[in-house]
Amino acid sequence: MGLVAGLNPFLGVAAALGVAFLLIVLADLTLGVVAFVLLSFLDVVHFRGGSLTFTKLAGLALCVSWLATIGTQDRRAGTDFFARHPGYAASLGLFVGWVALSALWAEDAGPVFNAVQRYGLNMLLLPIVYTAVRRRRHVTWILAAFVIGALVSMLYGLAVPAPPVPGDVSRLGGAIGEANETATVLVAAIVLSIGLVGAARRSPLLAAGALAGVPLALAGLVDTLSRAGIVSLGFSLVAACVLGGRWRRYVIVLTVVAVVGGIGYFLSLPPASRDRVVSANTTGRTDLWNVAWRAVEDHPWRGIGADNFPISSAHYLVRPGATTRADFIVTTPKVVHNVYLEQLTSLGVVGLVLFLAIPAASLSCCVKAARRFQKRGDQVLELTARAVMVALVGILAADFFASEQYSKQLWLLLALGPALLALAENPVPE
C-alpha cells in the first residue's frame, strides 16, 4: 500500500479502503451491507479511465460474501428471499428479462446490455439485505448508515463544490455529483432520521445525532435548488401525515416546523438562486418530455429499447411543436428526466407495468410489516417500517423529475421492505 501510495496517493487511499471493506464484508455480511450503504453515497470516487467506481467494486465483494453466506446457512433459517417471496422474485426476473429482450428492436444494443447489468446488480441488493437483516439492531445500523452517508455526501459537496455550469447558479451536488439526486436522498435522510429517533430509546447519543441531522439535511436540500427535491419533500410530508399512525400528531407538528424553516432559509438565498427554483424549464426537461412522448406514440407497447433515448431521440425532434432546447437532443443528448416516462419510452407499456410492480411489492411489504408490528405492540419497528415507507414515497415522487432508476439508495430502501416483513413474521432478537 505504501508503494502504491507513493506512485499515486489517490490509488493508495482507494486500495487501503478496498482492503478494509473486503475484510469487513467477508467477516460479516451485515456489517458489509452497512458499509456498502455508506459507500453508496461516494460515487464521486471514480477510477481513472472509465466508469468503474469504488462502489461497484464494493458491490461485487458484497455479492461474493452473500454467496458464501447462503452457501453455509441452513435453508430452513428463513434467509432465502426467493423461496419466501416467489412473486416478487418473478417480477424482478420478468422485468430484467424484458429489458434484455429490448435489444432485439433497439437502435443500439450496447446500452441495453449495460442496462441489464446495472439492473441485475441493483436487484441483487434485495436478497442480500434480506439475508443480512436478522436482528432489530441491524435495521438501526442500516438506517443510521443511510443518514450518515447522506450528510457526509452533503458536507463533501460544501467542501468541494462542483464546477459551475455556464449560465446557471451554483448548486450543491454532494459526493453523488448530481444536485437532484442529492436532494432526493437528503429528503429520505430527513424521514429516516425521525425514524431513528424512535429506534434510539436506549441510546441518547444516537437520538441526539438523528435529531441534529434533520435541520442539516433540510438546509442541504434547500442548497441543492432542486425542484425535484421540493416535490419529494412535499409528498413525503403528506405521506407522513397519512401513514403516521399513532404518531400522526407529532408528524403534523414536525411538518409545520419543516415548512416554516425551509421557507425561511429559502428566502435568505440570493435572488438568482430563488429565481432558478421558481422558473420553468431551466433544464429543458419539458422539451425532453415532449420528444419522449413522440417516441411513445410510435412504439407504445415495446418502446425503443432500454437506455436508447439519448441515441434515438433525434429521430423525433423534427415534429410539430416548439422545442427550445434541441441541444439536449442533438449536441449533448440527455435522458428523459422522468423515470416513469423513461421506462415507457424505452420499454413501452409492458416494461413500465413490470417496473412499477417492483416498488409496489416493496411498499406492500412495508405496510404488512407495520401492521404486524403494531398488532404485537412493537412501536420501534412499527415506526421504522412507516419511516421506510415515507422515504420510498418521497424518492418515487422525485423520480417524476429525474431518471434515477439505477439509484443505489432507491434499491436499498426497496430491499428493506421484504427484510422488515421477515422481522415482523418471526420473533425479533435484539
Protein backbone atom coordinates (compact mmCIF):
# COMPACT_ATOMS: atom_id res chain seq x y z
CA MET A 1 0.00 0.00 0.00
CA GLY A 2 2.89 2.34 0.77
CA LEU A 3 4.41 1.68 -2.65
CA VAL A 4 1.08 2.30 -4.39
CA ALA A 5 0.50 5.49 -2.38
CA GLY A 6 3.98 6.71 -3.33
CA LEU A 7 3.18 6.26 -7.00
CA ASN A 8 -0.37 7.59 -6.78
CA PRO A 9 -1.85 8.83 -3.47
CA PHE A 10 -5.42 8.52 -4.74
CA LEU A 11 -4.96 4.86 -5.70
CA GLY A 12 -3.18 4.21 -2.41
CA VAL A 13 -6.10 5.52 -0.37
CA ALA A 14 -8.62 3.69 -2.58
CA ALA A 15 -6.68 0.43 -2.26
CA ALA A 16 -6.47 0.76 1.53
CA LEU A 17 -10.20 1.41 1.75
CA GLY A 18 -10.83 -1.53 -0.56
CA VAL A 19 -8.84 -3.94 1.61
CA ALA A 20 -10.59 -2.68 4.75
CA PHE A 21 -14.01 -3.09 3.17
CA LEU A 22 -13.15 -6.56 1.88
CA LEU A 23 -12.11 -7.70 5.36
CA ILE A 24 -15.35 -6.32 6.84
CA VAL A 25 -17.70 -7.78 4.24
CA LEU A 26 -16.10 -11.24 4.28
CA ALA A 27 -16.13 -11.33 8.09
CA ASP A 28 -19.81 -10.35 8.48
CA LEU A 29 -22.40 -9.85 5.73
CA THR A 30 -24.49 -7.47 7.84
CA LEU A 31 -21.55 -5.17 8.55
CA GLY A 32 -20.72 -5.39 4.85
CA VAL A 33 -24.20 -4.14 3.95
CA VAL A 34 -23.87 -1.27 6.45
CA ALA A 35 -20.50 -0.31 4.95
CA PHE A 36 -21.93 -0.55 1.43
CA VAL A 37 -24.78 1.81 2.36
CA LEU A 38 -22.19 4.37 3.43
CA LEU A 39 -20.11 3.86 0.28
CA SER A 40 -23.16 4.17 -1.97
CA PHE A 41 -23.03 7.93 -1.38
CA LEU A 42 -19.43 8.19 -2.65
CA ASP A 43 -19.96 7.78 -6.40
CA VAL A 44 -17.57 10.70 -6.84
CA VAL A 45 -14.70 8.23 -6.38
CA HIS A 46 -14.04 7.01 -9.94
CA PHE A 47 -11.02 5.09 -11.14
CA ARG A 48 -9.07 6.70 -13.93
CA GLY A 49 -10.06 5.97 -17.49
CA GLY A 50 -13.53 4.51 -17.16
CA SER A 51 -16.88 4.21 -15.44
CA LEU A 52 -15.55 1.82 -12.78
CA THR A 53 -16.24 3.15 -9.30
CA PHE A 54 -15.21 2.05 -5.85
CA THR A 55 -18.89 1.45 -5.10
CA LYS A 56 -19.16 -1.09 -7.93
CA LEU A 57 -16.15 -2.99 -6.63
CA ALA A 58 -17.67 -2.90 -3.15
CA GLY A 59 -20.91 -4.28 -4.58
CA LEU A 60 -19.00 -7.15 -6.18
CA ALA A 61 -17.36 -8.00 -2.85
CA LEU A 62 -20.78 -7.85 -1.17
CA CYS A 63 -22.17 -10.35 -3.69
CA VAL A 64 -19.28 -12.75 -3.01
CA SER A 65 -19.90 -12.51 0.74
CA TRP A 66 -23.63 -13.14 0.25
CA LEU A 67 -22.99 -16.23 -1.89
CA ALA A 68 -20.63 -17.55 0.78
CA THR A 69 -23.22 -16.85 3.49
CA ILE A 70 -26.15 -18.59 1.82
CA GLY A 71 -23.87 -21.47 0.89
CA THR A 72 -23.10 -22.15 4.55
CA GLN A 73 -26.53 -21.44 6.09
CA ASP A 74 -29.42 -23.79 6.68
CA ARG A 75 -32.15 -23.00 4.13
CA ARG A 76 -34.72 -23.52 6.86
CA ALA A 77 -33.33 -20.45 8.65
CA GLY A 78 -35.69 -18.27 6.58
CA THR A 79 -32.98 -16.27 4.84
CA ASP A 80 -33.90 -17.32 1.28
CA PHE A 81 -35.57 -14.31 -0.36
CA PHE A 82 -36.52 -16.26 -3.49
CA ALA A 83 -38.32 -19.01 -1.56
CA ARG A 84 -40.15 -16.59 0.74
CA HIS A 85 -41.17 -14.08 -1.97
CA PRO A 86 -41.53 -16.03 -5.23
CA GLY A 87 -43.92 -13.47 -6.73
CA TYR A 88 -41.59 -10.57 -6.00
CA ALA A 89 -38.62 -12.53 -7.37
CA ALA A 90 -40.62 -13.39 -10.51
CA SER A 91 -41.43 -9.71 -11.10
CA LEU A 92 -37.73 -8.88 -10.88
CA GLY A 93 -36.86 -11.64 -13.33
CA LEU A 94 -39.60 -10.69 -15.79
CA PHE A 95 -38.54 -7.06 -15.77
CA VAL A 96 -34.84 -7.68 -16.36
CA GLY A 97 -35.81 -10.26 -19.00
CA TRP A 98 -37.91 -7.68 -20.84
CA VAL A 99 -35.02 -5.22 -20.63
CA ALA A 100 -32.73 -7.81 -22.25
CA LEU A 101 -35.34 -8.64 -24.89
CA SER A 102 -35.48 -4.98 -25.97
CA ALA A 103 -32.03 -5.48 -27.55
CA LEU A 104 -33.87 -7.14 -30.46
CA TRP A 105 -35.50 -3.88 -31.57
CA ALA A 106 -33.20 -1.23 -30.05
CA GLU A 107 -31.23 1.01 -32.39
CA ASP A 108 -28.09 0.24 -30.35
CA ALA A 109 -27.87 -2.98 -28.31
CA GLY A 110 -24.86 -1.78 -26.29
CA PRO A 111 -26.84 0.38 -23.82
CA VAL A 112 -29.36 -2.45 -23.42
CA PHE A 113 -26.70 -4.89 -22.21
CA ASN A 114 -25.36 -2.19 -19.88
CA ALA A 115 -28.89 -1.69 -18.51
CA VAL A 116 -29.27 -5.44 -17.89
CA GLN A 117 -26.03 -5.43 -15.92
CA ARG A 118 -26.95 -2.39 -13.84
CA TYR A 119 -30.47 -3.60 -13.09
CA GLY A 120 -29.20 -7.06 -12.22
CA LEU A 121 -26.62 -5.76 -9.76
CA ASN A 122 -29.14 -3.45 -8.09
CA MET A 123 -31.71 -6.24 -7.84
CA LEU A 124 -29.20 -8.42 -6.00
CA LEU A 125 -29.47 -5.97 -3.12
CA LEU A 126 -32.92 -7.40 -2.29
CA PRO A 127 -31.79 -10.96 -1.44
CA ILE A 128 -28.55 -9.64 0.08
CA VAL A 129 -30.31 -7.27 2.50
CA TYR A 130 -32.96 -9.93 3.20
CA THR A 131 -30.23 -12.36 4.26
CA ALA A 132 -28.24 -9.76 6.22
CA VAL A 133 -31.04 -8.21 8.30
CA ARG A 134 -31.86 -10.75 11.00
CA ARG A 135 -32.00 -8.63 14.15
CA ARG A 136 -33.58 -5.41 15.37
CA ARG A 137 -30.26 -3.62 15.64
CA HIS A 138 -29.41 -4.47 12.02
CA VAL A 139 -32.23 -2.21 10.82
CA THR A 140 -31.00 0.61 13.06
CA TRP A 141 -27.47 0.21 11.70
CA ILE A 142 -28.62 0.44 8.09
CA LEU A 143 -30.83 3.48 8.68
CA ALA A 144 -28.03 5.22 10.59
CA ALA A 145 -25.59 4.44 7.76
CA PHE A 146 -28.03 5.90 5.24
CA VAL A 147 -28.43 9.15 7.20
CA ILE A 148 -24.69 9.47 7.87
CA GLY A 149 -23.88 8.76 4.22
CA ALA A 150 -26.32 11.41 3.00
CA LEU A 151 -24.92 14.02 5.40
CA VAL A 152 -21.29 13.16 4.56
CA SER A 153 -22.13 13.47 0.87
CA MET A 154 -23.69 16.87 1.54
CA LEU A 155 -20.67 18.06 3.54
CA TYR A 156 -18.35 16.87 0.78
CA GLY A 157 -20.34 18.98 -1.68
CA LEU A 158 -19.91 22.02 0.55
CA ALA A 159 -16.16 21.42 0.95
CA VAL A 160 -15.53 20.54 -2.71
CA PRO A 161 -18.08 22.50 -4.80
CA ALA A 162 -18.84 21.18 -8.25
CA PRO A 163 -17.62 23.29 -11.20
CA PRO A 164 -20.27 25.92 -12.05
CA VAL A 165 -22.42 25.26 -15.10
CA PRO A 166 -22.28 28.15 -17.59
CA GLY A 167 -25.46 30.20 -17.36
CA ASP A 168 -26.64 28.53 -14.15
CA VAL A 169 -26.28 29.33 -10.46
CA SER A 170 -24.12 27.28 -8.11
CA ARG A 171 -25.89 24.24 -6.66
CA LEU A 172 -24.99 21.68 -4.01
CA GLY A 173 -24.20 18.41 -5.81
CA GLY A 174 -22.70 16.44 -2.94
CA ALA A 175 -20.39 13.47 -3.34
CA ILE A 176 -23.03 11.90 -5.58
CA GLY A 177 -22.25 14.66 -8.06
CA GLU A 178 -25.84 15.48 -9.09
CA ALA A 179 -28.00 18.08 -7.33
CA ASN A 180 -31.38 16.44 -7.91
CA GLU A 181 -30.26 13.03 -6.68
CA THR A 182 -28.56 14.64 -3.68
CA ALA A 183 -31.79 16.47 -2.85
CA THR A 184 -33.78 13.25 -3.08
CA VAL A 185 -31.56 11.29 -0.70
CA LEU A 186 -31.49 14.23 1.73
CA VAL A 187 -35.30 14.11 1.90
CA ALA A 188 -35.09 10.38 2.61
CA ALA A 189 -32.43 11.11 5.26
CA ILE A 190 -34.78 13.59 6.98
CA VAL A 191 -37.52 10.98 7.19
CA LEU A 192 -35.20 8.17 8.32
CA SER A 193 -33.63 10.46 10.95
CA ILE A 194 -37.04 10.83 12.54
CA GLY A 195 -37.46 7.06 12.42
CA LEU A 196 -34.08 6.68 14.11
CA VAL A 197 -35.16 8.92 16.98
CA GLY A 198 -37.85 6.39 17.84
CA ALA A 199 -35.44 3.47 17.47
CA ALA A 200 -32.84 5.09 19.76
CA ARG A 201 -34.70 4.91 23.06
CA ARG A 202 -31.73 3.26 24.75
CA SER A 203 -29.13 5.48 23.11
CA PRO A 204 -29.49 9.20 23.86
CA LEU A 205 -26.40 9.89 21.75
CA LEU A 206 -27.94 8.25 18.67
CA ALA A 207 -31.23 10.09 19.25
CA ALA A 208 -29.44 13.45 19.58
CA GLY A 209 -27.44 12.77 16.42
CA ALA A 210 -30.57 11.80 14.50
CA LEU A 211 -32.36 14.98 15.60
CA ALA A 212 -29.35 17.11 14.62
CA GLY A 213 -29.37 15.51 11.18
CA VAL A 214 -32.85 16.82 10.36
CA PRO A 215 -32.03 20.58 10.13
CA LEU A 216 -28.67 19.83 8.48
CA ALA A 217 -30.31 17.75 5.77
CA LEU A 218 -33.08 20.34 5.33
CA ALA A 219 -30.52 23.12 4.82
CA GLY A 220 -28.63 20.97 2.33
CA LEU A 221 -31.87 20.24 0.49
CA VAL A 222 -32.53 23.96 0.00
CA ASP A 223 -28.94 24.49 -1.20
CA THR A 224 -29.43 21.96 -4.00
CA LEU A 225 -32.03 24.33 -5.54
CA SER A 226 -33.79 21.20 -6.76
CA ARG A 227 -37.45 21.34 -7.65
CA ALA A 228 -37.47 17.54 -7.61
CA GLY A 229 -36.27 17.70 -4.01
CA ILE A 230 -39.03 20.14 -3.06
CA VAL A 231 -41.65 17.87 -4.66
CA SER A 232 -40.13 14.90 -2.86
CA LEU A 233 -40.31 16.74 0.47
CA GLY A 234 -43.92 17.74 -0.16
CA PHE A 235 -45.01 14.19 -0.99
CA SER A 236 -43.05 12.85 1.99
CA LEU A 237 -44.77 15.25 4.37
CA VAL A 238 -48.21 14.34 3.03
CA ALA A 239 -47.38 10.62 3.14
CA ALA A 240 -46.11 11.00 6.71
CA CYS A 241 -49.38 12.61 7.77
CA VAL A 242 -51.37 9.81 6.11
CA LEU A 243 -49.15 6.90 7.21
CA GLY A 244 -48.11 8.32 10.57
CA GLY A 245 -50.43 6.08 12.57
CA ARG A 246 -50.18 6.75 16.31
CA TRP A 247 -47.50 9.40 15.62
CA ARG A 248 -49.68 11.47 13.29
CA ARG A 249 -49.99 14.42 15.71
CA TYR A 250 -46.24 14.68 16.10
CA VAL A 251 -45.77 14.35 12.34
CA ILE A 252 -48.12 17.27 11.69
CA VAL A 253 -46.16 19.45 14.13
CA LEU A 254 -42.86 18.46 12.51
CA THR A 255 -44.37 19.17 9.09
CA VAL A 256 -45.28 22.72 10.08
CA VAL A 257 -41.79 23.27 11.54
CA ALA A 258 -40.11 21.87 8.40
CA VAL A 259 -42.21 24.01 6.06
CA VAL A 260 -41.64 27.21 8.04
CA GLY A 261 -37.91 26.54 8.47
CA GLY A 262 -37.46 25.58 4.82
CA ILE A 263 -39.29 28.66 3.54
CA GLY A 264 -37.34 30.93 5.88
CA TYR A 265 -33.99 29.52 4.73
CA PHE A 266 -35.09 29.68 1.08
CA LEU A 267 -35.98 33.36 1.38
CA SER A 268 -32.49 34.06 2.72
CA LEU A 269 -30.87 32.78 -0.51
CA PRO A 270 -29.64 35.18 -3.22
CA PRO A 271 -32.35 36.29 -5.69
CA ALA A 272 -30.72 34.38 -8.57
CA SER A 273 -30.95 31.13 -6.61
CA ARG A 274 -34.59 31.71 -5.71
CA ASP A 275 -35.42 32.56 -9.33
CA ARG A 276 -33.97 29.28 -10.52
CA VAL A 277 -36.31 27.27 -8.31
CA VAL A 278 -39.49 29.10 -9.33
CA SER A 279 -38.70 29.48 -13.06
CA ALA A 280 -39.86 26.95 -15.64
CA ASN A 281 -37.89 24.64 -17.96
CA THR A 282 -34.43 25.81 -16.90
CA THR A 283 -33.05 22.36 -17.74
CA GLY A 284 -35.02 21.70 -20.93
CA ARG A 285 -36.97 18.98 -19.10
CA THR A 286 -40.31 19.76 -20.78
CA ASP A 287 -38.68 19.58 -24.22
CA LEU A 288 -37.24 16.17 -23.36
CA TRP A 289 -40.67 15.03 -22.22
CA ASN A 290 -42.28 16.21 -25.47
CA VAL A 291 -39.75 14.34 -27.59
CA ALA A 292 -40.04 11.25 -25.39
CA TRP A 293 -43.80 11.22 -25.77
CA ARG A 294 -43.42 11.29 -29.55
CA ALA A 295 -41.34 8.12 -29.26
CA VAL A 296 -44.03 6.55 -27.07
CA GLU A 297 -46.66 7.31 -29.71
CA ASP A 298 -44.55 5.48 -32.30
CA HIS A 299 -43.80 2.43 -30.11
CA PRO A 300 -46.34 2.36 -27.26
CA TRP A 301 -46.06 -1.31 -26.25
CA ARG A 302 -42.42 -2.33 -26.68
CA GLY A 303 -40.61 1.03 -26.57
CA ILE A 304 -37.41 1.96 -28.40
CA GLY A 305 -35.03 -0.18 -26.31
CA ALA A 306 -33.55 0.19 -22.83
CA ASP A 307 -31.40 3.32 -22.40
CA ASN A 308 -31.73 4.15 -26.12
CA PHE A 309 -33.45 7.51 -25.74
CA PRO A 310 -30.23 9.60 -25.99
CA ILE A 311 -29.43 7.70 -29.20
CA SER A 312 -32.86 7.61 -30.85
CA SER A 313 -34.35 10.90 -29.62
CA ALA A 314 -33.03 12.88 -32.61
CA HIS A 315 -35.40 10.92 -34.88
CA TYR A 316 -38.36 12.51 -33.08
CA LEU A 317 -37.11 16.08 -32.97
CA VAL A 318 -38.50 17.35 -36.28
CA ARG A 319 -42.20 17.09 -35.46
CA PRO A 320 -44.99 19.63 -34.88
CA GLY A 321 -44.47 21.56 -31.65
CA ALA A 322 -41.91 24.06 -30.41
CA THR A 323 -38.61 22.78 -28.97
CA THR A 324 -36.42 25.37 -27.27
CA ARG A 325 -33.58 23.08 -26.12
CA ALA A 326 -32.76 20.99 -29.18
CA ASP A 327 -29.14 20.87 -27.97
CA PHE A 328 -30.25 18.32 -25.35
CA ILE A 329 -31.42 16.10 -28.19
CA VAL A 330 -28.66 16.57 -30.79
CA THR A 331 -25.49 18.15 -29.33
CA THR A 332 -25.46 16.68 -25.82
CA PRO A 333 -28.23 14.03 -25.72
CA LYS A 334 -29.89 13.66 -22.33
CA VAL A 335 -32.06 11.07 -20.65
CA VAL A 336 -35.78 11.75 -20.24
CA HIS A 337 -35.51 13.16 -16.68
CA ASN A 338 -38.60 11.26 -15.59
CA VAL A 339 -38.11 7.65 -14.53
CA TYR A 340 -41.65 6.61 -15.44
CA LEU A 341 -41.67 8.27 -18.85
CA GLU A 342 -38.15 6.87 -19.31
CA GLN A 343 -39.48 3.34 -18.79
CA LEU A 344 -42.47 3.98 -21.03
CA THR A 345 -40.27 5.38 -23.78
CA SER A 346 -37.57 2.72 -23.54
CA LEU A 347 -39.62 -0.38 -22.66
CA GLY A 348 -43.20 0.52 -23.57
CA VAL A 349 -46.33 -0.16 -21.55
CA VAL A 350 -45.16 -3.70 -20.79
CA GLY A 351 -41.87 -2.52 -19.31
CA LEU A 352 -43.50 0.27 -17.30
CA VAL A 353 -46.01 -2.12 -15.70
CA LEU A 354 -43.25 -4.60 -14.82
CA PHE A 355 -41.13 -1.79 -13.37
CA LEU A 356 -43.97 -0.39 -11.25
CA ALA A 357 -44.62 -3.85 -9.82
CA ILE A 358 -41.25 -3.70 -8.02
CA PRO A 359 -41.83 -0.64 -5.77
CA ALA A 360 -45.46 -1.70 -5.34
CA ALA A 361 -44.34 -5.06 -3.92
CA SER A 362 -41.84 -3.41 -1.59
CA LEU A 363 -44.37 -0.87 -0.30
CA SER A 364 -46.84 -3.71 0.24
CA CYS A 365 -44.23 -5.49 2.38
CA CYS A 366 -43.73 -2.30 4.43
CA VAL A 367 -47.48 -1.91 5.00
CA LYS A 368 -47.83 -5.53 6.14
CA ALA A 369 -44.78 -5.21 8.38
CA ALA A 370 -46.07 -2.01 10.02
CA ARG A 371 -49.45 -3.62 10.72
CA ARG A 372 -47.88 -6.71 12.27
CA PHE A 373 -45.52 -4.67 14.42
CA GLN A 374 -48.47 -2.55 15.54
CA LYS A 375 -50.50 -5.65 16.37
CA ARG A 376 -47.82 -7.05 18.66
CA GLY A 377 -47.05 -3.66 20.23
CA ASP A 378 -43.55 -3.22 18.80
CA GLN A 379 -43.59 0.56 18.43
CA VAL A 380 -39.90 0.88 17.49
CA LEU A 381 -40.05 -1.36 14.43
CA GLU A 382 -43.50 -0.09 13.52
CA LEU A 383 -42.12 3.46 13.36
CA THR A 384 -39.14 2.17 11.36
CA ALA A 385 -41.40 0.48 8.80
CA ARG A 386 -43.50 3.61 8.44
CA ALA A 387 -40.37 5.76 8.02
CA VAL A 388 -39.08 3.48 5.25
CA MET A 389 -42.49 3.71 3.54
CA VAL A 390 -42.48 7.51 3.64
CA ALA A 391 -38.86 7.70 2.43
CA LEU A 392 -39.75 5.44 -0.51
CA VAL A 393 -42.76 7.59 -1.38
CA GLY A 394 -40.52 10.68 -1.39
CA ILE A 395 -37.95 9.08 -3.71
CA LEU A 396 -40.61 7.74 -6.07
CA ALA A 397 -42.22 11.20 -6.21
CA ALA A 398 -38.87 12.86 -7.00
CA ASP A 399 -38.38 10.38 -9.83
CA PHE A 400 -41.08 12.21 -11.80
CA PHE A 401 -38.31 14.76 -12.42
CA ALA A 402 -35.24 12.53 -12.71
CA SER A 403 -34.23 9.28 -14.42
CA GLU A 404 -32.75 7.66 -11.32
CA GLN A 405 -33.85 4.07 -11.92
CA TYR A 406 -30.31 2.89 -11.09
CA SER A 407 -30.04 4.83 -7.82
CA LYS A 408 -28.49 2.57 -5.19
CA GLN A 409 -30.35 4.45 -2.45
CA LEU A 410 -33.67 3.62 -4.13
CA TRP A 411 -32.84 -0.08 -4.36
CA LEU A 412 -31.54 -0.20 -0.80
CA LEU A 413 -34.84 1.18 0.51
CA LEU A 414 -36.77 -1.22 -1.75
CA ALA A 415 -34.75 -4.07 -0.23
CA LEU A 416 -35.73 -3.05 3.31
CA GLY A 417 -39.41 -3.80 2.62
CA PRO A 418 -39.13 -7.63 2.47
CA ALA A 419 -36.47 -7.58 5.22
CA LEU A 420 -38.81 -5.72 7.61
CA LEU A 421 -41.66 -8.11 6.79
CA ALA A 422 -39.40 -11.06 7.65
CA LEU A 423 -38.71 -9.49 11.05
CA ALA A 424 -42.43 -8.93 11.55
CA GLU A 425 -43.24 -12.58 10.84
CA ASN A 426 -40.70 -14.01 13.27
CA PRO A 427 -39.54 -13.27 16.80
CA VAL A 428 -37.08 -10.39 16.63
CA PRO A 429 -33.89 -10.79 18.68
CA GLU A 430 -32.01 -7.69 19.73
